[in-house]
Every structure is written in C-alpha cells, then in structure tokens.
Amino acid sequence: MTPSIKQAMILAAGFGKRLKPLTDITPKPLIPVGDTTCLDETIRRLQAVGIQKIVVNTHHLANQIHQHLSNHPGILISYEPEILQTGGGIGKALKHFGDQPFFCINGDIWWWDGEEALLKKMAKTWDAETMDILLAVVPKHQTIGYYGQGDYNRDDQGGLHLPIPGSPGDYVYAGIQILSADVFQKSRLWPQQAAFPITKLYAEAEHRNRLYGFIHDNMWADVGSPQGLEETRQKLPPAEPELPD
C-alpha cells in the first residue's frame, strides 16, 4: 500500500531575477498576491491536506523569510549560505525527510484547485514501486505567465519524455513534485556536486522510465515574472485594506 505523504519542502532560496527591482528588497515568495503571498498560500494548502512537516530553504534576503516564518510555528528552515540551485538545495534538506517521500514546491507559483485538492490527488497517484519522481504538469492553454514551448510530452502510461529538440511539448512542469531520497542515492551527481539543477535528476529518472506526470485539470500561474504576477493578481480578490490601530 502506498504510504500517505506527510512532509514537504518549499523552495524559497532563489534571487527572483525576473522580478527585479521588486526582489531587490523583498524575496519573491513574500511578494503580495491577493491578500496573501505564495509562501503563505502554499503552507496553507500543504497543511490543509495533512502535511505535518514543512521545510523551507532560504538564501536571498533570508532574514525576511525567517522572520516571516515566525508566524508559522514548527516550520523548519534549511538556510544556504551559498546558493545551491534546486537540486543541491533539496539535497541539503534531505536529512529532514528520511527515506519517506515528500512534496517539493516552487516558491513562485499559484494554482487553482477543483473539487479535490491537487496535492491530495497527487499523493493518491504516487507509487514508489514504479516512480522515482512524479511531476505535476499542466496543458499550456491552462497557464498564466508562461511563455515557453512546453516542457514535456506524456505517454499513455503517464510517463514523461522531453520533446525532440526544437519541437514543442504538450505540458508545462507546474513546479510541484513528489520525490524521495532514493532519487539522490541513485544519482551520480550526489553528493559529488553540492550545487546542481534538479532537471538533471529528472533526466536520469526519465532514462530509467521512472519519471511520471500528473495532469493538473485547472488553471496554474507562474508569478515569477512581472506579467505573470499582474495577471494572477487580476484573477484574485484584492487584498483587504489594513485597518488603522
């Protein structure tokens, strides 16, 4: 029986270069979206589906995130004195997760759920016997703030495959994944390289036919660009004004 997933990581260490100059003074996960932030909303969604342990990695303007997380008792911080990229950052935090699977979510995304939460549906789909990594993917026409050609194609069994170079992909990686320490232990990269992109582990999992995709059936937004941030804000209720003391 597939174990329920009770732990997660939120990636919040990046510089947010696409959102400069906003991110010169505010870390990207703390930029207001509606009446909240991507960081707060992701924490809320994780806790709503029963996640008991949440780790947040930090680097850029880390003290602001550390102070903000004081409002969320029990959340663990994985501070990176030097930026480790996505793969290295997750690898540094593995000690918190043991040998159990965990969600890993980008700190600059927003998504809309249907009748059942995306995270709950992904947890039900996860199968450690056949999968090394399960990525949430979304059709390109359901994206906001995404302007690329697509990241992956998906076969009838749910396996993900990179498109032929120069050809478009049908699906966009949505910045939400399930994986476990096994993926790092199988890799030639870890722990020889402290900093590396997580896409290298995706490529290795694809080579083993163990990279799978779960199709999100609602809208999804990349708020890491000015246009994506503005379009997302327009689709959400405006922030409540602060009342004077």
C-alpha atoms as a PDB file:
ATOM      1  CA  MET A   1       0.000   0.000   0.000  1.00  0.00           C
ATOM      2  CA  THR A   2       1.316   3.444  -0.899  1.00  0.00           C
ATOM      3  CA  PRO A   3       2.127   5.407   2.273  1.00  0.00           C
ATOM      4  CA  SER A   4       0.404   8.736   2.770  1.00  0.00           C
ATOM      5  CA  ILE A   5       2.699  11.729   2.274  1.00  0.00           C
ATOM      6  CA  LYS A   6       3.143  13.828   5.405  1.00  0.00           C
ATOM      7  CA  GLN A   7       6.125  16.054   4.617  1.00  0.00           C
ATOM      8  CA  ALA A   8       7.060  18.762   2.146  1.00  0.00           C
ATOM      9  CA  MET A   9       9.670  21.292   1.091  1.00  0.00           C
ATOM     10  CA  ILE A  10       9.105  24.782  -0.301  1.00  0.00           C
ATOM     11  CA  LEU A  11      11.860  26.249  -2.489  1.00  0.00           C
ATOM     12  CA  ALA A  12      12.352  29.862  -1.392  1.00  0.00           C
ATOM     13  CA  ALA A  13      16.080  30.481  -1.820  1.00  0.00           C
ATOM     14  CA  GLY A  14      16.217  31.998  -5.311  1.00  0.00           C
ATOM     15  CA  PHE A  15      17.092  35.569  -6.297  1.00  0.00           C
ATOM     16  CA  GLY A  16      13.916  36.262  -8.286  1.00  0.00           C
ATOM     17  CA  LYS A  17      15.870  37.991 -11.058  1.00  0.00           C
ATOM     18  CA  ARG A  18      12.869  38.228 -13.394  1.00  0.00           C
ATOM     19  CA  LEU A  19      11.006  40.320 -10.833  1.00  0.00           C
ATOM     20  CA  LYS A  20      13.714  42.900 -10.244  1.00  0.00           C
ATOM     21  CA  PRO A  21      13.583  45.575  -8.838  1.00  0.00           C
ATOM     22  CA  LEU A  22      10.806  44.187  -6.583  1.00  0.00           C
ATOM     23  CA  THR A  23      13.051  41.366  -5.444  1.00  0.00           C
ATOM     24  CA  ASP A  24      15.911  43.708  -4.581  1.00  0.00           C
ATOM     25  CA  ILE A  25      14.074  44.462  -1.343  1.00  0.00           C
ATOM     26  CA  THR A  26      11.515  41.633  -0.991  1.00  0.00           C
ATOM     27  CA  PRO A  27      12.162  37.906  -1.506  1.00  0.00           C
ATOM     28  CA  LYS A  28       9.990  36.534  -4.295  1.00  0.00           C
ATOM     29  CA  PRO A  29       7.923  34.166  -2.095  1.00  0.00           C
ATOM     30  CA  LEU A  30       6.850  37.148   0.069  1.00  0.00           C
ATOM     31  CA  ILE A  31       5.641  39.454  -2.718  1.00  0.00           C
ATOM     32  CA  PRO A  32       1.909  40.079  -2.171  1.00  0.00           C
ATOM     33  CA  VAL A  33      -0.527  38.089  -4.312  1.00  0.00           C
ATOM     34  CA  GLY A  34      -4.141  38.952  -3.497  1.00  0.00           C
ATOM     35  CA  ASP A  35      -4.356  39.182   0.278  1.00  0.00           C
ATOM     36  CA  THR A  36      -1.529  36.713   0.902  1.00  0.00           C
ATOM     37  CA  THR A  37       1.816  35.531  -0.536  1.00  0.00           C
ATOM     38  CA  CYS A  38       2.877  32.438  -2.457  1.00  0.00           C
ATOM     39  CA  LEU A  39       4.731  31.223   0.634  1.00  0.00           C
ATOM     40  CA  ASP A  40       1.758  31.602   2.968  1.00  0.00           C
ATOM     41  CA  GLU A  41      -0.692  30.136   0.463  1.00  0.00           C
ATOM     42  CA  THR A  42       1.498  27.110  -0.204  1.00  0.00           C
ATOM     43  CA  ILE A  43       1.873  26.484   3.527  1.00  0.00           C
ATOM     44  CA  ARG A  44      -1.909  26.753   3.939  1.00  0.00           C
ATOM     45  CA  ARG A  45      -2.547  24.272   1.132  1.00  0.00           C
ATOM     46  CA  LEU A  46       0.004  21.796   2.473  1.00  0.00           C
ATOM     47  CA  GLN A  47      -1.419  21.909   5.975  1.00  0.00           C
ATOM     48  CA  ALA A  48      -4.966  21.567   4.591  1.00  0.00           C
ATOM     49  CA  VAL A  49      -4.103  18.141   3.143  1.00  0.00           C
ATOM     50  CA  GLY A  50      -2.449  16.917   6.337  1.00  0.00           C
ATOM     51  CA  ILE A  51       1.222  17.705   5.781  1.00  0.00           C
ATOM     52  CA  GLN A  52       2.884  17.559   9.196  1.00  0.00           C
ATOM     53  CA  LYS A  53       6.464  18.594   8.406  1.00  0.00           C
ATOM     54  CA  ILE A  54       7.380  21.541   6.166  1.00  0.00           C
ATOM     55  CA  VAL A  55      10.933  22.608   5.336  1.00  0.00           C
ATOM     56  CA  VAL A  56      11.673  25.941   3.619  1.00  0.00           C
ATOM     57  CA  ASN A  57      15.075  26.596   2.069  1.00  0.00           C
ATOM     58  CA  THR A  58      16.396  30.165   2.086  1.00  0.00           C
ATOM     59  CA  HIS A  59      19.280  32.254   0.778  1.00  0.00           C
ATOM     60  CA  HIS A  60      18.356  35.576  -0.869  1.00  0.00           C
ATOM     61  CA  LEU A  61      17.078  38.061   1.752  1.00  0.00           C
ATOM     62  CA  ALA A  62      16.835  35.054   4.044  1.00  0.00           C
ATOM     63  CA  ASN A  63      16.282  37.043   7.234  1.00  0.00           C
ATOM     64  CA  GLN A  64      12.992  38.390   5.906  1.00  0.00           C
ATOM     65  CA  ILE A  65      11.722  34.867   5.274  1.00  0.00           C
ATOM     66  CA  HIS A  66      12.994  33.659   8.654  1.00  0.00           C
ATOM     67  CA  GLN A  67      11.164  36.473  10.411  1.00  0.00           C
ATOM     68  CA  HIS A  68       8.009  35.853   8.375  1.00  0.00           C
ATOM     69  CA  LEU A  69       8.062  32.156   9.232  1.00  0.00           C
ATOM     70  CA  SER A  70       7.927  33.006  12.924  1.00  0.00           C
ATOM     71  CA  ASN A  71       4.200  33.330  12.223  1.00  0.00           C
ATOM     72  CA  HIS A  72       4.184  29.629  11.289  1.00  0.00           C
ATOM     73  CA  PRO A  73       5.467  27.711  14.335  1.00  0.00           C
ATOM     74  CA  GLY A  74       7.031  24.351  13.624  1.00  0.00           C
ATOM     75  CA  ILE A  75       8.274  25.041  10.113  1.00  0.00           C
ATOM     76  CA  LEU A  76      11.911  24.079   9.607  1.00  0.00           C
ATOM     77  CA  ILE A  77      14.431  26.240   7.769  1.00  0.00           C
ATOM     78  CA  SER A  78      17.255  24.964   5.570  1.00  0.00           C
ATOM     79  CA  TYR A  79      19.500  28.006   5.164  1.00  0.00           C
ATOM     80  CA  GLU A  80      22.017  28.038   2.318  1.00  0.00           C
ATOM     81  CA  PRO A  81      24.972  30.379   2.912  1.00  0.00           C
ATOM     82  CA  GLU A  82      25.795  29.830  -0.764  1.00  0.00           C
ATOM     83  CA  ILE A  83      23.037  29.230  -3.305  1.00  0.00           C
ATOM     84  CA  LEU A  84      22.842  25.536  -4.215  1.00  0.00           C
ATOM     85  CA  GLN A  85      20.349  25.576  -7.109  1.00  0.00           C
ATOM     86  CA  THR A  86      17.264  23.400  -6.909  1.00  0.00           C
ATOM     87  CA  GLY A  87      18.959  20.002  -6.833  1.00  0.00           C
ATOM     88  CA  GLY A  88      21.596  20.976  -4.311  1.00  0.00           C
ATOM     89  CA  GLY A  89      19.077  22.802  -2.151  1.00  0.00           C
ATOM     90  CA  ILE A  90      16.801  19.774  -1.945  1.00  0.00           C
ATOM     91  CA  GLY A  91      19.809  17.543  -1.329  1.00  0.00           C
ATOM     92  CA  LYS A  92      20.923  19.674   1.616  1.00  0.00           C
ATOM     93  CA  ALA A  93      17.475  19.288   3.201  1.00  0.00           C
ATOM     94  CA  LEU A  94      17.203  15.503   2.747  1.00  0.00           C
ATOM     95  CA  LYS A  95      18.192  14.878   6.378  1.00  0.00           C
ATOM     96  CA  HIS A  96      14.752  16.150   7.397  1.00  0.00           C
ATOM     97  CA  PHE A  97      12.853  13.609   5.302  1.00  0.00           C
ATOM     98  CA  GLY A  98      14.498  10.264   5.982  1.00  0.00           C
ATOM     99  CA  ASP A  99      13.529   7.614   3.439  1.00  0.00           C
ATOM    100  CA  GLN A 100       9.911   8.748   3.051  1.00  0.00           C
ATOM    101  CA  PRO A 101       8.536  10.615   0.013  1.00  0.00           C
ATOM    102  CA  PHE A 102       7.834  14.324   0.193  1.00  0.00           C
ATOM    103  CA  PHE A 103       6.303  17.112  -1.828  1.00  0.00           C
ATOM    104  CA  CYS A 104       8.629  19.793  -3.171  1.00  0.00           C
ATOM    105  CA  ILE A 105       7.018  23.029  -4.365  1.00  0.00           C
ATOM    106  CA  ASN A 106       8.457  26.116  -6.037  1.00  0.00           C
ATOM    107  CA  GLY A 107       8.052  29.374  -4.152  1.00  0.00           C
ATOM    108  CA  ASP A 108       6.766  31.372  -7.134  1.00  0.00           C
ATOM    109  CA  ILE A 109       3.681  29.515  -8.344  1.00  0.00           C
ATOM    110  CA  TRP A 110      -0.080  29.715  -7.846  1.00  0.00           C
ATOM    111  CA  TRP A 111      -2.704  27.179  -8.785  1.00  0.00           C
ATOM    112  CA  TRP A 112      -6.458  26.778  -8.654  1.00  0.00           C
ATOM    113  CA  ASP A 113      -7.924  23.565  -7.252  1.00  0.00           C
ATOM    114  CA  GLY A 114     -11.036  21.781  -8.436  1.00  0.00           C
ATOM    115  CA  GLU A 115     -13.369  19.774  -6.221  1.00  0.00           C
ATOM    116  CA  GLU A 116     -10.398  17.867  -4.802  1.00  0.00           C
ATOM    117  CA  ALA A 117      -7.047  19.429  -3.984  1.00  0.00           C
ATOM    118  CA  LEU A 118      -4.254  18.836  -6.487  1.00  0.00           C
ATOM    119  CA  LEU A 119      -1.882  17.832  -3.685  1.00  0.00           C
ATOM    120  CA  LYS A 120      -4.302  15.199  -2.411  1.00  0.00           C
ATOM    121  CA  LYS A 121      -4.760  13.748  -5.895  1.00  0.00           C
ATOM    122  CA  MET A 122      -1.001  13.621  -6.452  1.00  0.00           C
ATOM    123  CA  ALA A 123      -0.469  11.828  -3.144  1.00  0.00           C
ATOM    124  CA  LYS A 124      -3.010   9.200  -4.191  1.00  0.00           C
ATOM    125  CA  THR A 125      -1.216   8.722  -7.520  1.00  0.00           C
ATOM    126  CA  TRP A 126       2.294   8.369  -6.087  1.00  0.00           C
ATOM    127  CA  ASP A 127       3.673   4.843  -6.398  1.00  0.00           C
ATOM    128  CA  ALA A 128       7.214   4.290  -5.166  1.00  0.00           C
ATOM    129  CA  GLU A 129       7.323   0.886  -6.871  1.00  0.00           C
ATOM    130  CA  THR A 130       7.175   2.413 -10.350  1.00  0.00           C
ATOM    131  CA  MET A 131       8.064   6.102  -9.883  1.00  0.00           C
ATOM    132  CA  ASP A 132      11.223   7.951  -8.924  1.00  0.00           C
ATOM    133  CA  ILE A 133       9.674  11.385  -9.444  1.00  0.00           C
ATOM    134  CA  LEU A 134       6.086  12.494 -10.023  1.00  0.00           C
ATOM    135  CA  LEU A 135       5.717  15.971 -11.536  1.00  0.00           C
ATOM    136  CA  ALA A 136       2.529  17.984 -11.703  1.00  0.00           C
ATOM    137  CA  VAL A 137       2.108  19.103 -15.310  1.00  0.00           C
ATOM    138  CA  VAL A 138      -0.444  21.397 -16.890  1.00  0.00           C
ATOM    139  CA  PRO A 139      -1.536  21.876 -20.512  1.00  0.00           C
ATOM    140  CA  LYS A 140      -0.104  25.086 -21.974  1.00  0.00           C
ATOM    141  CA  HIS A 141      -3.550  26.619 -22.540  1.00  0.00           C
ATOM    142  CA  GLN A 142      -4.230  26.464 -18.787  1.00  0.00           C
ATOM    143  CA  THR A 143      -1.211  28.552 -17.793  1.00  0.00           C
ATOM    144  CA  ILE A 144      -0.739  32.171 -16.766  1.00  0.00           C
ATOM    145  CA  GLY A 145       2.660  33.828 -17.027  1.00  0.00           C
ATOM    146  CA  TYR A 146       4.213  31.001 -19.037  1.00  0.00           C
ATOM    147  CA  TYR A 147       5.552  31.848 -22.487  1.00  0.00           C
ATOM    148  CA  GLY A 148       7.679  28.848 -23.420  1.00  0.00           C
ATOM    149  CA  GLN A 149       7.108  25.961 -25.816  1.00  0.00           C
ATOM    150  CA  GLY A 150       6.238  23.377 -23.184  1.00  0.00           C
ATOM    151  CA  ASP A 151       8.469  21.110 -21.118  1.00  0.00           C
ATOM    152  CA  TYR A 152       7.300  17.525 -21.614  1.00  0.00           C
ATOM    153  CA  ASN A 153       5.177  15.088 -23.548  1.00  0.00           C
ATOM    154  CA  ARG A 154       3.287  12.373 -21.660  1.00  0.00           C
ATOM    155  CA  ASP A 155       2.651   8.828 -22.808  1.00  0.00           C
ATOM    156  CA  ASP A 156      -0.451   6.709 -22.180  1.00  0.00           C
ATOM    157  CA  GLN A 157       1.034   5.223 -19.012  1.00  0.00           C
ATOM    158  CA  GLY A 158       1.780   8.663 -17.536  1.00  0.00           C
ATOM    159  CA  GLY A 159       5.499   8.650 -18.284  1.00  0.00           C
ATOM    160  CA  LEU A 160       7.105  11.980 -19.139  1.00  0.00           C
ATOM    161  CA  HIS A 161       9.509  12.492 -22.023  1.00  0.00           C
ATOM    162  CA  LEU A 162      11.411  15.527 -23.227  1.00  0.00           C
ATOM    163  CA  PRO A 163      10.247  16.623 -26.671  1.00  0.00           C
ATOM    164  CA  ILE A 164      12.557  16.344 -29.669  1.00  0.00           C
ATOM    165  CA  PRO A 165      14.892  19.375 -29.665  1.00  0.00           C
ATOM    166  CA  GLY A 166      13.189  22.250 -31.455  1.00  0.00           C
ATOM    167  CA  SER A 167       9.723  20.728 -31.051  1.00  0.00           C
ATOM    168  CA  PRO A 168       7.093  21.947 -28.581  1.00  0.00           C
ATOM    169  CA  GLY A 169       5.992  19.964 -25.550  1.00  0.00           C
ATOM    170  CA  ASP A 170       2.351  19.370 -24.701  1.00  0.00           C
ATOM    171  CA  TYR A 171       2.728  20.049 -20.982  1.00  0.00           C
ATOM    172  CA  VAL A 172       4.359  22.574 -18.675  1.00  0.00           C
ATOM    173  CA  TYR A 173       6.006  21.481 -15.429  1.00  0.00           C
ATOM    174  CA  ALA A 174       3.951  23.148 -12.695  1.00  0.00           C
ATOM    175  CA  GLY A 175       6.628  23.433 -10.002  1.00  0.00           C
ATOM    176  CA  ILE A 176       5.098  20.729  -7.781  1.00  0.00           C
ATOM    177  CA  GLN A 177       6.676  17.302  -7.427  1.00  0.00           C
ATOM    178  CA  ILE A 178       6.863  14.216  -5.237  1.00  0.00           C
ATOM    179  CA  LEU A 179      10.200  12.501  -4.765  1.00  0.00           C
ATOM    180  CA  SER A 180      12.310  10.807  -2.109  1.00  0.00           C
ATOM    181  CA  ALA A 181      15.927  10.451  -1.041  1.00  0.00           C
ATOM    182  CA  ASP A 182      16.201   7.379  -3.282  1.00  0.00           C
ATOM    183  CA  VAL A 183      16.423   9.652  -6.315  1.00  0.00           C
ATOM    184  CA  PHE A 184      19.573  11.260  -4.950  1.00  0.00           C
ATOM    185  CA  GLN A 185      21.086   7.946  -3.882  1.00  0.00           C
ATOM    186  CA  LYS A 186      20.636   6.596  -7.429  1.00  0.00           C
ATOM    187  CA  SER A 187      22.287   9.636  -8.983  1.00  0.00           C
ATOM    188  CA  ARG A 188      25.903  10.055  -9.996  1.00  0.00           C
ATOM    189  CA  LEU A 189      25.620  13.722  -9.049  1.00  0.00           C
ATOM    190  CA  TRP A 190      25.021  13.291  -5.357  1.00  0.00           C
ATOM    191  CA  PRO A 191      26.876  14.047  -3.168  1.00  0.00           C
ATOM    192  CA  GLN A 192      29.774  14.784  -5.519  1.00  0.00           C
ATOM    193  CA  GLN A 193      28.182  18.074  -6.608  1.00  0.00           C
ATOM    194  CA  ALA A 194      26.867  20.404  -3.931  1.00  0.00           C
ATOM    195  CA  ALA A 195      25.020  22.662  -6.399  1.00  0.00           C
ATOM    196  CA  PHE A 196      23.150  21.421  -9.470  1.00  0.00           C
ATOM    197  CA  PRO A 197      19.749  21.854 -11.164  1.00  0.00           C
ATOM    198  CA  ILE A 198      17.013  19.355 -10.328  1.00  0.00           C
ATOM    199  CA  THR A 199      16.426  18.875 -14.065  1.00  0.00           C
ATOM    200  CA  LYS A 200      19.493  16.625 -14.126  1.00  0.00           C
ATOM    201  CA  LEU A 201      17.699  14.225 -11.789  1.00  0.00           C
ATOM    202  CA  TYR A 202      14.610  14.420 -13.999  1.00  0.00           C
ATOM    203  CA  ALA A 203      16.736  13.364 -16.966  1.00  0.00           C
ATOM    204  CA  GLU A 204      18.153  10.405 -15.061  1.00  0.00           C
ATOM    205  CA  ALA A 205      14.671   9.343 -13.931  1.00  0.00           C
ATOM    206  CA  GLU A 206      13.377   9.624 -17.487  1.00  0.00           C
ATOM    207  CA  HIS A 207      16.243   7.425 -18.687  1.00  0.00           C
ATOM    208  CA  ARG A 208      15.078   4.780 -16.166  1.00  0.00           C
ATOM    209  CA  ASN A 209      11.450   5.213 -17.345  1.00  0.00           C
ATOM    210  CA  ARG A 210      10.565   6.325 -13.816  1.00  0.00           C
ATOM    211  CA  LEU A 211       9.669   9.994 -14.430  1.00  0.00           C
ATOM    212  CA  TYR A 212       5.886  10.410 -14.339  1.00  0.00           C
ATOM    213  CA  GLY A 213       3.468  13.279 -14.780  1.00  0.00           C
ATOM    214  CA  PHE A 214       0.170  14.052 -13.066  1.00  0.00           C
ATOM    215  CA  ILE A 215      -2.044  16.338 -15.156  1.00  0.00           C
ATOM    216  CA  HIS A 216      -3.487  19.297 -13.253  1.00  0.00           C
ATOM    217  CA  ASP A 217      -7.018  19.913 -14.522  1.00  0.00           C
ATOM    218  CA  ASN A 218      -7.336  23.585 -13.604  1.00  0.00           C
ATOM    219  CA  MET A 219      -5.501  26.882 -14.085  1.00  0.00           C
ATOM    220  CA  TRP A 220      -1.911  27.418 -12.963  1.00  0.00           C
ATOM    221  CA  ALA A 221       0.271  30.525 -12.833  1.00  0.00           C
ATOM    222  CA  ASP A 222       3.971  31.335 -12.809  1.00  0.00           C
ATOM    223  CA  VAL A 223       4.128  34.515 -10.720  1.00  0.00           C
ATOM    224  CA  GLY A 224       7.891  34.819 -11.115  1.00  0.00           C
ATOM    225  CA  SER A 225       7.600  37.348 -13.965  1.00  0.00           C
ATOM    226  CA  PRO A 226       6.004  40.825 -13.899  1.00  0.00           C
ATOM    227  CA  GLN A 227       3.294  39.835 -16.395  1.00  0.00           C
ATOM    228  CA  GLY A 228       2.501  36.574 -14.634  1.00  0.00           C
ATOM    229  CA  LEU A 229       2.321  38.334 -11.267  1.00  0.00           C
ATOM    230  CA  GLU A 230      -0.015  41.029 -12.588  1.00  0.00           C
ATOM    231  CA  GLU A 231      -2.307  38.594 -14.427  1.00  0.00           C
ATOM    232  CA  THR A 232      -2.541  36.403 -11.331  1.00  0.00           C
ATOM    233  CA  ARG A 233      -3.374  39.375  -9.141  1.00  0.00           C
ATOM    234  CA  GLN A 234      -6.144  40.368 -11.542  1.00  0.00           C
ATOM    235  CA  LYS A 235      -7.773  36.937 -11.167  1.00  0.00           C
ATOM    236  CA  LEU A 236      -7.788  37.062  -7.354  1.00  0.00           C
ATOM    237  CA  PRO A 237      -9.804  39.178  -4.928  1.00  0.00           C
ATOM    238  CA  PRO A 238      -7.948  42.372  -3.998  1.00  0.00           C
ATOM    239  CA  ALA A 239      -6.083  42.449  -0.711  1.00  0.00           C
ATOM    240  CA  GLU A 240      -8.095  43.627   2.268  1.00  0.00           C
ATOM    241  CA  PRO A 241      -7.005  47.136   3.352  1.00  0.00           C
ATOM    242  CA  GLU A 242      -5.277  47.312   6.712  1.00  0.00           C
ATOM    243  CA  LEU A 243      -7.413  48.955   9.387  1.00  0.00           C
ATOM    244  CA  PRO A 244      -5.819  51.750  11.455  1.00  0.00           C
ATOM    245  CA  ASP A 245      -4.910  50.902  15.029  1.00  0.00           C
END
